[in-house]
């Protein structure tokens, strides 16, 4: 039986990715071992893995993750306070499909969409 999912996204530079997820999005490192070319972060019940892809062209990266939250307004405000860039077409709004959502792009152009059901 399936129990959870941990997406794997590409990263060009581990230090840059680590800094962004820890200092901007307030994730924490997952695990005690620092693997070469691999990074694992977590926040609450969400864990994201990254693999090194030094030749990645961010303009050609279509990595995407949809992350559910139970307090989207607070999360959005906290990211704004941290001066985290929100995607210009991903500002916080209520969508026709019953989700309140916003989106951002990480340093490697991975799209992170955060959503909360309003039904």
PDB file of N, CA and C in Angstrom:
ATOM      1  N   UNK A   1       0.823  -1.189   0.000  1.00  0.00           N
ATOM      2  CA  UNK A   1       0.000   0.000   0.000  1.00  0.00           C
ATOM      3  C   UNK A   1       0.863   1.247   0.000  1.00  0.00           C
ATOM      4  N   UNK A   2       0.395   2.266  -0.675  1.00  0.00           N
ATOM      5  CA  UNK A   2       1.108   3.531  -0.713  1.00  0.00           C
ATOM      6  C   UNK A   2       0.857   4.310   0.573  1.00  0.00           C
ATOM      7  N   UNK A   3       1.888   4.960   1.089  1.00  0.00           N
ATOM      8  CA  UNK A   3       1.729   5.690   2.347  1.00  0.00           C
ATOM      9  C   UNK A   3       2.087   7.174   2.256  1.00  0.00           C
ATOM     10  N   UNK A   4       2.965   7.550   1.347  1.00  0.00           N
ATOM     11  CA  UNK A   4       3.330   8.961   1.193  1.00  0.00           C
ATOM     12  C   UNK A   4       4.099   9.132  -0.094  1.00  0.00           C
ATOM     13  N   UNK A   5       4.331  10.384  -0.455  1.00  0.00           N
ATOM     14  CA  UNK A   5       5.115  10.682  -1.652  1.00  0.00           C
ATOM     15  C   UNK A   5       6.135  11.766  -1.312  1.00  0.00           C
ATOM     16  N   UNK A   6       7.342  11.600  -1.817  1.00  0.00           N
ATOM     17  CA  UNK A   6       8.417  12.567  -1.619  1.00  0.00           C
ATOM     18  C   UNK A   6       8.985  12.919  -2.988  1.00  0.00           C
ATOM     19  N   UNK A   7       8.575  14.038  -3.547  1.00  0.00           N
ATOM     20  CA  UNK A   7       9.036  14.384  -4.893  1.00  0.00           C
ATOM     21  C   UNK A   7      10.542  14.596  -4.954  1.00  0.00           C
ATOM     22  N   UNK A   8      11.116  14.295  -6.120  1.00  0.00           N
ATOM     23  CA  UNK A   8      12.528  14.542  -6.396  1.00  0.00           C
ATOM     24  C   UNK A   8      12.590  15.577  -7.509  1.00  0.00           C
ATOM     25  N   UNK A   9      13.285  16.666  -7.240  1.00  0.00           N
ATOM     26  CA  UNK A   9      13.400  17.762  -8.194  1.00  0.00           C
ATOM     27  C   UNK A   9      14.871  18.005  -8.521  1.00  0.00           C
ATOM     28  N   UNK A  10      15.144  18.518  -9.715  1.00  0.00           N
ATOM     29  CA  UNK A  10      16.531  18.810 -10.077  1.00  0.00           C
ATOM     30  C   UNK A  10      17.032  20.097  -9.432  1.00  0.00           C
ATOM     31  N   UNK A  11      18.329  20.133  -9.193  1.00  0.00           N
ATOM     32  CA  UNK A  11      18.989  21.345  -8.685  1.00  0.00           C
ATOM     33  C   UNK A  11      20.343  21.474  -9.369  1.00  0.00           C
ATOM     34  N   UNK A  12      20.732  22.692  -9.659  1.00  0.00           N
ATOM     35  CA  UNK A  12      22.049  22.940 -10.253  1.00  0.00           C
ATOM     36  C   UNK A  12      23.127  23.083  -9.195  1.00  0.00           C
ATOM     37  N   UNK A  13      22.783  23.724  -8.085  1.00  0.00           N
ATOM     38  CA  UNK A  13      23.770  24.047  -7.065  1.00  0.00           C
ATOM     39  C   UNK A  13      23.179  23.743  -5.695  1.00  0.00           C
ATOM     40  N   UNK A  14      23.726  22.773  -5.024  1.00  0.00           N
ATOM     41  CA  UNK A  14      23.187  22.329  -3.741  1.00  0.00           C
ATOM     42  C   UNK A  14      23.162  23.453  -2.702  1.00  0.00           C
ATOM     43  N   UNK A  15      24.207  24.247  -2.642  1.00  0.00           N
ATOM     44  CA  UNK A  15      24.265  25.324  -1.643  1.00  0.00           C
ATOM     45  C   UNK A  15      23.168  26.356  -1.874  1.00  0.00           C
ATOM     46  N   UNK A  16      22.923  26.702  -3.128  1.00  0.00           N
ATOM     47  CA  UNK A  16      21.880  27.679  -3.456  1.00  0.00           C
ATOM     48  C   UNK A  16      20.501  27.122  -3.121  1.00  0.00           C
ATOM     49  N   UNK A  17      20.258  25.877  -3.507  1.00  0.00           N
ATOM     50  CA  UNK A  17      18.967  25.240  -3.220  1.00  0.00           C
ATOM     51  C   UNK A  17      18.749  25.123  -1.717  1.00  0.00           C
ATOM     52  N   UNK A  18      19.758  24.683  -1.014  1.00  0.00           N
ATOM     53  CA  UNK A  18      19.679  24.540   0.447  1.00  0.00           C
ATOM     54  C   UNK A  18      19.364  25.882   1.100  1.00  0.00           C
ATOM     55  N   UNK A  19      20.058  26.923   0.693  1.00  0.00           N
ATOM     56  CA  UNK A  19      19.836  28.263   1.248  1.00  0.00           C
ATOM     57  C   UNK A  19      18.400  28.730   0.999  1.00  0.00           C
ATOM     58  N   UNK A  20      17.896  28.527  -0.201  1.00  0.00           N
ATOM     59  CA  UNK A  20      16.549  28.968  -0.553  1.00  0.00           C
ATOM     60  C   UNK A  20      15.489  28.246   0.285  1.00  0.00           C
ATOM     61  N   UNK A  21      15.566  26.942   0.344  1.00  0.00           N
ATOM     62  CA  UNK A  21      14.538  26.179   1.051  1.00  0.00           C
ATOM     63  C   UNK A  21      14.614  26.369   2.565  1.00  0.00           C
ATOM     64  N   UNK A  22      15.797  26.536   3.100  1.00  0.00           N
ATOM     65  CA  UNK A  22      15.932  26.705   4.550  1.00  0.00           C
ATOM     66  C   UNK A  22      15.674  28.147   4.977  1.00  0.00           C
ATOM     67  N   UNK A  23      16.255  29.098   4.283  1.00  0.00           N
ATOM     68  CA  UNK A  23      16.153  30.493   4.719  1.00  0.00           C
ATOM     69  C   UNK A  23      14.944  31.239   4.181  1.00  0.00           C
ATOM     70  N   UNK A  24      14.460  30.888   3.013  1.00  0.00           N
ATOM     71  CA  UNK A  24      13.283  31.564   2.450  1.00  0.00           C
ATOM     72  C   UNK A  24      11.988  30.834   2.780  1.00  0.00           C
ATOM     73  N   UNK A  25      11.996  29.493   2.645  1.00  0.00           N
ATOM     74  CA  UNK A  25      10.764  28.726   2.832  1.00  0.00           C
ATOM     75  C   UNK A  25      10.671  28.070   4.214  1.00  0.00           C
ATOM     76  N   UNK A  26      11.738  28.190   5.003  1.00  0.00           N
ATOM     77  CA  UNK A  26      11.783  27.690   6.372  1.00  0.00           C
ATOM     78  C   UNK A  26      11.631  26.166   6.484  1.00  0.00           C
ATOM     79  N   UNK A  27      12.180  25.447   5.519  1.00  0.00           N
ATOM     80  CA  UNK A  27      12.303  23.996   5.625  1.00  0.00           C
ATOM     81  C   UNK A  27      13.510  23.708   6.510  1.00  0.00           C
ATOM     82  N   UNK A  28      13.682  22.443   6.871  1.00  0.00           N
ATOM     83  CA  UNK A  28      14.843  21.993   7.634  1.00  0.00           C
ATOM     84  C   UNK A  28      15.505  20.858   6.864  1.00  0.00           C
ATOM     85  N   UNK A  29      16.792  20.661   7.141  1.00  0.00           N
ATOM     86  CA  UNK A  29      17.470  19.507   6.546  1.00  0.00           C
ATOM     87  C   UNK A  29      16.860  18.230   7.078  1.00  0.00           C
ATOM     88  N   UNK A  30      16.762  17.219   6.223  1.00  0.00           N
ATOM     89  CA  UNK A  30      16.246  15.921   6.642  1.00  0.00           C
ATOM     90  C   UNK A  30      17.406  14.942   6.678  1.00  0.00           C
ATOM     91  N   UNK A  31      17.554  14.264   7.787  1.00  0.00           N
ATOM     92  CA  UNK A  31      18.608  13.266   7.925  1.00  0.00           C
ATOM     93  C   UNK A  31      19.893  13.843   8.482  1.00  0.00           C
ATOM     94  N   UNK A  32      20.788  12.941   8.835  1.00  0.00           N
ATOM     95  CA  UNK A  32      22.058  13.326   9.452  1.00  0.00           C
ATOM     96  C   UNK A  32      23.245  13.242   8.505  1.00  0.00           C
ATOM     97  N   UNK A  33      23.047  12.687   7.321  1.00  0.00           N
ATOM     98  CA  UNK A  33      24.157  12.485   6.395  1.00  0.00           C
ATOM     99  C   UNK A  33      24.055  13.486   5.252  1.00  0.00           C
ATOM    100  N   UNK A  34      25.178  14.105   4.929  1.00  0.00           N
ATOM    101  CA  UNK A  34      25.235  15.050   3.815  1.00  0.00           C
ATOM    102  C   UNK A  34      25.718  14.295   2.580  1.00  0.00           C
ATOM    103  N   UNK A  35      24.788  13.921   1.725  1.00  0.00           N
ATOM    104  CA  UNK A  35      25.125  13.158   0.523  1.00  0.00           C
ATOM    105  C   UNK A  35      25.621  14.084  -0.577  1.00  0.00           C
ATOM    106  N   UNK A  36      26.658  13.667  -1.262  1.00  0.00           N
ATOM    107  CA  UNK A  36      27.195  14.433  -2.374  1.00  0.00           C
ATOM    108  C   UNK A  36      26.167  14.454  -3.517  1.00  0.00           C
ATOM    109  N   UNK A  37      25.802  15.648  -3.959  1.00  0.00           N
ATOM    110  CA  UNK A  37      24.899  15.772  -5.093  1.00  0.00           C
ATOM    111  C   UNK A  37      23.447  15.454  -4.794  1.00  0.00           C
ATOM    112  N   UNK A  38      23.085  15.368  -3.520  1.00  0.00           N
ATOM    113  CA  UNK A  38      21.712  15.029  -3.148  1.00  0.00           C
ATOM    114  C   UNK A  38      21.341  15.822  -1.904  1.00  0.00           C
ATOM    115  N   UNK A  39      20.103  16.294  -1.861  1.00  0.00           N
ATOM    116  CA  UNK A  39      19.638  17.112  -0.741  1.00  0.00           C
ATOM    117  C   UNK A  39      18.229  16.680  -0.365  1.00  0.00           C
ATOM    118  N   UNK A  40      17.962  16.605   0.932  1.00  0.00           N
ATOM    119  CA  UNK A  40      16.618  16.287   1.420  1.00  0.00           C
ATOM    120  C   UNK A  40      16.230  17.344   2.452  1.00  0.00           C
ATOM    121  N   UNK A  41      15.039  17.917   2.270  1.00  0.00           N
ATOM    122  CA  UNK A  41      14.527  18.906   3.210  1.00  0.00           C
ATOM    123  C   UNK A  41      13.103  18.514   3.606  1.00  0.00           C
ATOM    124  N   UNK A  42      12.667  19.037   4.748  1.00  0.00           N
ATOM    125  CA  UNK A  42      11.294  18.759   5.181  1.00  0.00           C
ATOM    126  C   UNK A  42      10.748  19.938   5.975  1.00  0.00           C
ATOM    127  N   UNK A  43       9.432  20.018   5.967  1.00  0.00           N
ATOM    128  CA  UNK A  43       8.709  21.004   6.769  1.00  0.00           C
ATOM    129  C   UNK A  43       7.356  20.392   7.078  1.00  0.00           C
ATOM    130  N   UNK A  44       7.037  20.328   8.353  1.00  0.00           N
ATOM    131  CA  UNK A  44       5.803  19.675   8.801  1.00  0.00           C
ATOM    132  C   UNK A  44       5.776  18.257   8.227  1.00  0.00           C
ATOM    133  N   UNK A  45       4.768  17.905   7.446  1.00  0.00           N
ATOM    134  CA  UNK A  45       4.660  16.547   6.897  1.00  0.00           C
ATOM    135  C   UNK A  45       5.116  16.449   5.444  1.00  0.00           C
ATOM    136  N   UNK A  46       5.806  17.462   4.958  1.00  0.00           N
ATOM    137  CA  UNK A  46       6.243  17.488   3.555  1.00  0.00           C
ATOM    138  C   UNK A  46       7.757  17.292   3.496  1.00  0.00           C
ATOM    139  N   UNK A  47       8.184  16.387   2.626  1.00  0.00           N
ATOM    140  CA  UNK A  47       9.603  16.138   2.402  1.00  0.00           C
ATOM    141  C   UNK A  47       9.871  16.245   0.898  1.00  0.00           C
ATOM    142  N   UNK A  48      10.903  16.993   0.542  1.00  0.00           N
ATOM    143  CA  UNK A  48      11.281  17.147  -0.864  1.00  0.00           C
ATOM    144  C   UNK A  48      12.746  16.735  -0.999  1.00  0.00           C
ATOM    145  N   UNK A  49      13.035  15.953  -2.046  1.00  0.00           N
ATOM    146  CA  UNK A  49      14.399  15.532  -2.353  1.00  0.00           C
ATOM    147  C   UNK A  49      14.861  16.264  -3.610  1.00  0.00           C
ATOM    148  N   UNK A  50      16.160  16.500  -3.686  1.00  0.00           N
ATOM    149  CA  UNK A  50      16.758  17.158  -4.852  1.00  0.00           C
ATOM    150  C   UNK A  50      17.965  16.352  -5.312  1.00  0.00           C
ATOM    151  N   UNK A  51      18.096  16.230  -6.617  1.00  0.00           N
ATOM    152  CA  UNK A  51      19.265  15.566  -7.180  1.00  0.00           C
ATOM    153  C   UNK A  51      20.039  16.588  -8.009  1.00  0.00           C
ATOM    154  N   UNK A  52      21.349  16.459  -7.992  1.00  0.00           N
ATOM    155  CA  UNK A  52      22.198  17.399  -8.706  1.00  0.00           C
ATOM    156  C   UNK A  52      22.100  17.192 -10.217  1.00  0.00           C
ATOM    157  N   UNK A  53      21.881  18.281 -10.926  1.00  0.00           N
ATOM    158  CA  UNK A  53      21.813  18.295 -12.385  1.00  0.00           C
ATOM    159  C   UNK A  53      22.477  19.605 -12.822  1.00  0.00           C
ATOM    160  N   UNK A  54      23.815  19.594 -12.835  1.00  0.00           N
ATOM    161  CA  UNK A  54      24.583  20.812 -13.074  1.00  0.00           C
ATOM    162  C   UNK A  54      24.312  21.445 -14.435  1.00  0.00           C
ATOM    163  N   UNK A  55      23.955  20.640 -15.426  1.00  0.00           N
ATOM    164  CA  UNK A  55      23.716  21.172 -16.769  1.00  0.00           C
ATOM    165  C   UNK A  55      22.260  21.579 -17.003  1.00  0.00           C
ATOM    166  N   UNK A  56      21.473  21.594 -15.957  1.00  0.00           N
ATOM    167  CA  UNK A  56      20.063  21.963 -16.081  1.00  0.00           C
ATOM    168  C   UNK A  56      19.924  23.389 -16.620  1.00  0.00           C
ATOM    169  N   UNK A  57      19.098  23.551 -17.615  1.00  0.00           N
ATOM    170  CA  UNK A  57      18.736  24.877 -18.106  1.00  0.00           C
ATOM    171  C   UNK A  57      17.403  25.228 -17.448  1.00  0.00           C
ATOM    172  N   UNK A  58      17.387  26.187 -16.513  1.00  0.00           N
ATOM    173  CA  UNK A  58      16.144  26.501 -15.804  1.00  0.00           C
ATOM    174  C   UNK A  58      14.972  26.824 -16.730  1.00  0.00           C
ATOM    175  N   UNK A  59      15.260  27.375 -17.905  1.00  0.00           N
ATOM    176  CA  UNK A  59      14.185  27.699 -18.850  1.00  0.00           C
ATOM    177  C   UNK A  59      13.542  26.444 -19.436  1.00  0.00           C
ATOM    178  N   UNK A  60      14.218  25.309 -19.294  1.00  0.00           N
ATOM    179  CA  UNK A  60      13.696  24.048 -19.819  1.00  0.00           C
ATOM    180  C   UNK A  60      13.291  23.082 -18.703  1.00  0.00           C
ATOM    181  N   UNK A  61      13.249  23.585 -17.469  1.00  0.00           N
ATOM    182  CA  UNK A  61      12.876  22.741 -16.336  1.00  0.00           C
ATOM    183  C   UNK A  61      11.382  22.878 -16.067  1.00  0.00           C
ATOM    184  N   UNK A  62      10.704  21.748 -16.044  1.00  0.00           N
ATOM    185  CA  UNK A  62       9.266  21.756 -15.800  1.00  0.00           C
ATOM    186  C   UNK A  62       8.912  21.011 -14.512  1.00  0.00           C
ATOM    187  N   UNK A  63       9.864  20.939 -13.566  1.00  0.00           N
ATOM    188  CA  UNK A  63       9.590  20.309 -12.279  1.00  0.00           C
ATOM    189  C   UNK A  63       8.483  21.064 -11.554  1.00  0.00           C
ATOM    190  N   UNK A  64       7.521  20.320 -11.016  1.00  0.00           N
ATOM    191  CA  UNK A  64       6.390  20.937 -10.328  1.00  0.00           C
ATOM    192  C   UNK A  64       5.960  20.085  -9.145  1.00  0.00           C
ATOM    193  N   UNK A  65       5.540  20.752  -8.085  1.00  0.00           N
ATOM    194  CA  UNK A  65       5.007  20.082  -6.905  1.00  0.00           C
ATOM    195  C   UNK A  65       3.810  20.883  -6.419  1.00  0.00           C
ATOM    196  N   UNK A  66       2.745  20.173  -6.068  1.00  0.00           N
ATOM    197  CA  UNK A  66       1.565  20.802  -5.460  1.00  0.00           C
ATOM    198  C   UNK A  66       1.567  20.415  -3.988  1.00  0.00           C
ATOM    199  N   UNK A  67       1.605  21.418  -3.106  1.00  0.00           N
ATOM    200  CA  UNK A  67       1.695  21.179  -1.667  1.00  0.00           C
ATOM    201  C   UNK A  67       0.426  21.707  -0.999  1.00  0.00           C
ATOM    202  N   UNK A  68      -0.252  20.837  -0.304  1.00  0.00           N
ATOM    203  CA  UNK A  68      -1.472  21.246   0.411  1.00  0.00           C
ATOM    204  C   UNK A  68      -1.109  21.811   1.786  1.00  0.00           C
ATOM    205  N   UNK A  69      -1.895  22.783   2.201  1.00  0.00           N
ATOM    206  CA  UNK A  69      -1.703  23.414   3.505  1.00  0.00           C
ATOM    207  C   UNK A  69      -3.060  23.595   4.167  1.00  0.00           C
ATOM    208  N   UNK A  70      -3.053  23.815   5.480  1.00  0.00           N
ATOM    209  CA  UNK A  70      -4.306  24.061   6.176  1.00  0.00           C
ATOM    210  C   UNK A  70      -4.428  25.506   6.655  1.00  0.00           C
ATOM    211  N   UNK A  71      -3.466  26.364   6.274  1.00  0.00           N
ATOM    212  CA  UNK A  71      -3.539  27.780   6.620  1.00  0.00           C
ATOM    213  C   UNK A  71      -2.785  28.588   5.566  1.00  0.00           C
ATOM    214  N   UNK A  72      -3.358  28.646   4.387  1.00  0.00           N
ATOM    215  CA  UNK A  72      -2.666  29.256   3.249  1.00  0.00           C
ATOM    216  C   UNK A  72      -2.430  30.744   3.424  1.00  0.00           C
ATOM    217  N   UNK A  73      -3.360  31.439   4.055  1.00  0.00           N
ATOM    218  CA  UNK A  73      -3.187  32.883   4.232  1.00  0.00           C
ATOM    219  C   UNK A  73      -1.988  33.191   5.131  1.00  0.00           C
ATOM    220  N   UNK A  74      -1.839  32.432   6.201  1.00  0.00           N
ATOM    221  CA  UNK A  74      -0.699  32.622   7.106  1.00  0.00           C
ATOM    222  C   UNK A  74       0.611  32.285   6.404  1.00  0.00           C
ATOM    223  N   UNK A  75       0.622  31.179   5.656  1.00  0.00           N
ATOM    224  CA  UNK A  75       1.826  30.779   4.923  1.00  0.00           C
ATOM    225  C   UNK A  75       2.217  31.845   3.903  1.00  0.00           C
ATOM    226  N   UNK A  76       1.248  32.327   3.156  1.00  0.00           N
ATOM    227  CA  UNK A  76       1.502  33.359   2.138  1.00  0.00           C
ATOM    228  C   UNK A  76       2.080  34.617   2.790  1.00  0.00           C
ATOM    229  N   UNK A  77       1.472  35.054   3.878  1.00  0.00           N
ATOM    230  CA  UNK A  77       1.947  36.252   4.562  1.00  0.00           C
ATOM    231  C   UNK A  77       3.367  36.062   5.082  1.00  0.00           C
ATOM    232  N   UNK A  78       3.655  34.884   5.630  1.00  0.00           N
ATOM    233  CA  UNK A  78       4.996  34.601   6.154  1.00  0.00           C
ATOM    234  C   UNK A  78       6.042  34.658   5.035  1.00  0.00           C
ATOM    235  N   UNK A  79       5.708  34.110   3.874  1.00  0.00           N
ATOM    236  CA  UNK A  79       6.642  34.159   2.742  1.00  0.00           C
ATOM    237  C   UNK A  79       6.865  35.598   2.268  1.00  0.00           C
ATOM    238  N   UNK A  80       5.812  36.384   2.257  1.00  0.00           N
ATOM    239  CA  UNK A  80       5.966  37.799   1.890  1.00  0.00           C
ATOM    240  C   UNK A  80       6.869  38.523   2.889  1.00  0.00           C
ATOM    241  N   UNK A  81       6.699  38.226   4.165  1.00  0.00           N
ATOM    242  CA  UNK A  81       7.549  38.828   5.197  1.00  0.00           C
ATOM    243  C   UNK A  81       9.007  38.420   5.017  1.00  0.00           C
ATOM    244  N   UNK A  82       9.249  37.201   4.529  1.00  0.00           N
ATOM    245  CA  UNK A  82      10.613  36.717   4.266  1.00  0.00           C
ATOM    246  C   UNK A  82      11.146  37.219   2.932  1.00  0.00           C
ATOM    247  N   UNK A  83      10.371  38.074   2.274  1.00  0.00           N
ATOM    248  CA  UNK A  83      10.725  38.629   0.957  1.00  0.00           C
ATOM    249  C   UNK A  83      10.963  37.530  -0.072  1.00  0.00           C
ATOM    250  N   UNK A  84      10.121  36.503  -0.017  1.00  0.00           N
ATOM    251  CA  UNK A  84      10.162  35.419  -0.980  1.00  0.00           C
ATOM    252  C   UNK A  84       9.362  35.844  -2.204  1.00  0.00           C
ATOM    253  N   UNK A  85       9.956  35.728  -3.374  1.00  0.00           N
ATOM    254  CA  UNK A  85       9.271  36.120  -4.605  1.00  0.00           C
ATOM    255  C   UNK A  85       8.142  35.150  -4.921  1.00  0.00           C
ATOM    256  N   UNK A  86       6.965  35.707  -5.135  1.00  0.00           N
ATOM    257  CA  UNK A  86       5.806  34.927  -5.548  1.00  0.00           C
ATOM    258  C   UNK A  86       5.734  35.020  -7.071  1.00  0.00           C
ATOM    259  N   UNK A  87       5.378  33.936  -7.720  1.00  0.00           N
ATOM    260  CA  UNK A  87       5.269  33.935  -9.184  1.00  0.00           C
ATOM    261  C   UNK A  87       4.263  35.011  -9.605  1.00  0.00           C
ATOM    262  N   UNK A  88       4.610  35.845 -10.595  1.00  0.00           N
ATOM    263  CA  UNK A  88       3.696  36.924 -11.009  1.00  0.00           C
ATOM    264  C   UNK A  88       2.313  36.429 -11.432  1.00  0.00           C
ATOM    265  N   UNK A  89       2.236  35.224 -11.962  1.00  0.00           N
ATOM    266  CA  UNK A  89       0.939  34.666 -12.352  1.00  0.00           C
ATOM    267  C   UNK A  89       0.414  33.709 -11.289  1.00  0.00           C
ATOM    268  N   UNK A  90       1.040  33.712 -10.121  1.00  0.00           N
ATOM    269  CA  UNK A  90       0.664  32.777  -9.068  1.00  0.00           C
ATOM    270  C   UNK A  90       0.332  33.448  -7.751  1.00  0.00           C
ATOM    271  N   UNK A  91      -0.171  34.678  -7.804  1.00  0.00           N
ATOM    272  CA  UNK A  91      -0.543  35.371  -6.572  1.00  0.00           C
ATOM    273  C   UNK A  91      -1.697  34.643  -5.891  1.00  0.00           C
ATOM    274  N   UNK A  92      -1.822  34.826  -4.604  1.00  0.00           N
ATOM    275  CA  UNK A  92      -2.853  34.146  -3.829  1.00  0.00           C
ATOM    276  C   UNK A  92      -4.241  34.518  -4.330  1.00  0.00           C
ATOM    277  N   UNK A  93      -5.005  33.490  -4.686  1.00  0.00           N
ATOM    278  CA  UNK A  93      -6.386  33.710  -5.120  1.00  0.00           C
ATOM    279  C   UNK A  93      -7.185  32.422  -4.987  1.00  0.00           C
ATOM    280  N   UNK A  94      -8.487  32.583  -4.995  1.00  0.00           N
ATOM    281  CA  UNK A  94      -9.385  31.437  -4.954  1.00  0.00           C
ATOM    282  C   UNK A  94      -9.673  31.001  -6.381  1.00  0.00           C
ATOM    283  N   UNK A  95      -9.448  29.731  -6.650  1.00  0.00           N
ATOM    284  CA  UNK A  95      -9.609  29.181  -8.006  1.00  0.00           C
ATOM    285  C   UNK A  95     -11.016  28.603  -8.175  1.00  0.00           C
ATOM    286  N   UNK A  96     -11.483  28.499  -9.430  1.00  0.00           N
ATOM    287  CA  UNK A  96     -12.818  27.954  -9.687  1.00  0.00           C
ATOM    288  C   UNK A  96     -12.997  26.517  -9.212  1.00  0.00           C
ATOM    289  N   UNK A  97     -11.909  25.789  -9.042  1.00  0.00           N
ATOM    290  CA  UNK A  97     -12.002  24.384  -8.634  1.00  0.00           C
ATOM    291  C   UNK A  97     -12.016  24.210  -7.114  1.00  0.00           C
ATOM    292  N   UNK A  98     -12.241  25.291  -6.375  1.00  0.00           N
ATOM    293  CA  UNK A  98     -12.426  25.186  -4.932  1.00  0.00           C
ATOM    294  C   UNK A  98     -11.156  25.176  -4.110  1.00  0.00           C
ATOM    295  N   UNK A  99     -10.071  25.685  -4.675  1.00  0.00           N
ATOM    296  CA  UNK A  99      -8.804  25.772  -3.948  1.00  0.00           C
ATOM    297  C   UNK A  99      -8.380  27.227  -3.854  1.00  0.00           C
ATOM    298  N   UNK A 100      -7.799  27.581  -2.736  1.00  0.00           N
ATOM    299  CA  UNK A 100      -7.140  28.880  -2.588  1.00  0.00           C
ATOM    300  C   UNK A 100      -5.663  28.569  -2.795  1.00  0.00           C
ATOM    301  N   UNK A 101      -5.029  29.227  -3.764  1.00  0.00           N
ATOM    302  CA  UNK A 101      -3.678  28.836  -4.187  1.00  0.00           C
ATOM    303  C   UNK A 101      -2.764  30.034  -4.425  1.00  0.00           C
ATOM    304  N   UNK A 102      -1.465  29.753  -4.351  1.00  0.00           N
ATOM    305  CA  UNK A 102      -0.422  30.645  -4.859  1.00  0.00           C
ATOM    306  C   UNK A 102       0.749  29.789  -5.290  1.00  0.00           C
ATOM    307  N   UNK A 103       1.667  30.377  -6.052  1.00  0.00           N
ATOM    308  CA  UNK A 103       2.796  29.613  -6.588  1.00  0.00           C
ATOM    309  C   UNK A 103       4.072  30.443  -6.564  1.00  0.00           C
ATOM    310  N   UNK A 104       5.191  29.750  -6.555  1.00  0.00           N
ATOM    311  CA  UNK A 104       6.496  30.399  -6.654  1.00  0.00           C
ATOM    312  C   UNK A 104       7.447  29.484  -7.410  1.00  0.00           C
ATOM    313  N   UNK A 105       8.540  30.069  -7.847  1.00  0.00           N
ATOM    314  CA  UNK A 105       9.587  29.311  -8.545  1.00  0.00           C
ATOM    315  C   UNK A 105      10.837  29.310  -7.685  1.00  0.00           C
ATOM    316  N   UNK A 106      11.455  28.139  -7.533  1.00  0.00           N
ATOM    317  CA  UNK A 106      12.702  28.074  -6.780  1.00  0.00           C
ATOM    318  C   UNK A 106      13.863  28.480  -7.711  1.00  0.00           C
ATOM    319  N   UNK A 107      15.092  28.513  -7.225  1.00  0.00           N
ATOM    320  CA  UNK A 107      16.213  28.975  -8.047  1.00  0.00           C
ATOM    321  C   UNK A 107      16.442  28.180  -9.344  1.00  0.00           C
ATOM    322  N   UNK A 108      15.905  26.967  -9.429  1.00  0.00           N
ATOM    323  CA  UNK A 108      16.078  26.151 -10.629  1.00  0.00           C
ATOM    324  C   UNK A 108      14.818  26.073 -11.479  1.00  0.00           C
ATOM    325  N   UNK A 109      13.871  26.947 -11.176  1.00  0.00           N
ATOM    326  CA  UNK A 109      12.619  27.050 -11.933  1.00  0.00           C
ATOM    327  C   UNK A 109      11.648  25.910 -11.650  1.00  0.00           C
ATOM    328  N   UNK A 110      11.823  25.208 -10.528  1.00  0.00           N
ATOM    329  CA  UNK A 110      10.829  24.236 -10.093  1.00  0.00           C
ATOM    330  C   UNK A 110       9.631  25.014  -9.567  1.00  0.00           C
ATOM    331  N   UNK A 111       8.444  24.701 -10.065  1.00  0.00           N
ATOM    332  CA  UNK A 111       7.223  25.398  -9.661  1.00  0.00           C
ATOM    333  C   UNK A 111       6.638  24.740  -8.419  1.00  0.00           C
ATOM    334  N   UNK A 112       6.496  25.531  -7.358  1.00  0.00           N
ATOM    335  CA  UNK A 112       5.862  25.059  -6.129  1.00  0.00           C
ATOM    336  C   UNK A 112       4.513  25.759  -6.020  1.00  0.00           C
ATOM    337  N   UNK A 113       3.438  24.994  -6.053  1.00  0.00           N
ATOM    338  CA  UNK A 113       2.098  25.547  -5.882  1.00  0.00           C
ATOM    339  C   UNK A 113       1.571  25.093  -4.538  1.00  0.00           C
ATOM    340  N   UNK A 114       1.087  26.047  -3.762  1.00  0.00           N
ATOM    341  CA  UNK A 114       0.528  25.759  -2.454  1.00  0.00           C
ATOM    342  C   UNK A 114      -0.978  25.955  -2.535  1.00  0.00           C
ATOM    343  N   UNK A 115      -1.732  25.025  -1.949  1.00  0.00           N
ATOM    344  CA  UNK A 115      -3.178  25.119  -2.041  1.00  0.00           C
ATOM    345  C   UNK A 115      -3.896  24.639  -0.802  1.00  0.00           C
ATOM    346  N   UNK A 116      -5.080  25.229  -0.593  1.00  0.00           N
ATOM    347  CA  UNK A 116      -5.941  24.847   0.515  1.00  0.00           C
ATOM    348  C   UNK A 116      -7.362  24.768  -0.004  1.00  0.00           C
ATOM    349  N   UNK A 117      -8.042  23.697   0.327  1.00  0.00           N
ATOM    350  CA  UNK A 117      -9.442  23.530  -0.070  1.00  0.00           C
ATOM    351  C   UNK A 117     -10.307  24.530   0.694  1.00  0.00           C
ATOM    352  N   UNK A 118     -11.247  25.162  -0.003  1.00  0.00           N
ATOM    353  CA  UNK A 118     -12.147  26.105   0.659  1.00  0.00           C
ATOM    354  C   UNK A 118     -13.555  25.535   0.787  1.00  0.00           C
ATOM    355  N   UNK A 119     -13.706  24.287   0.430  1.00  0.00           N
ATOM    356  CA  UNK A 119     -15.022  23.651   0.515  1.00  0.00           C
ATOM    357  C   UNK A 119     -15.204  22.938   1.823  1.00  0.00           C
TER     358      UNK A 119
END
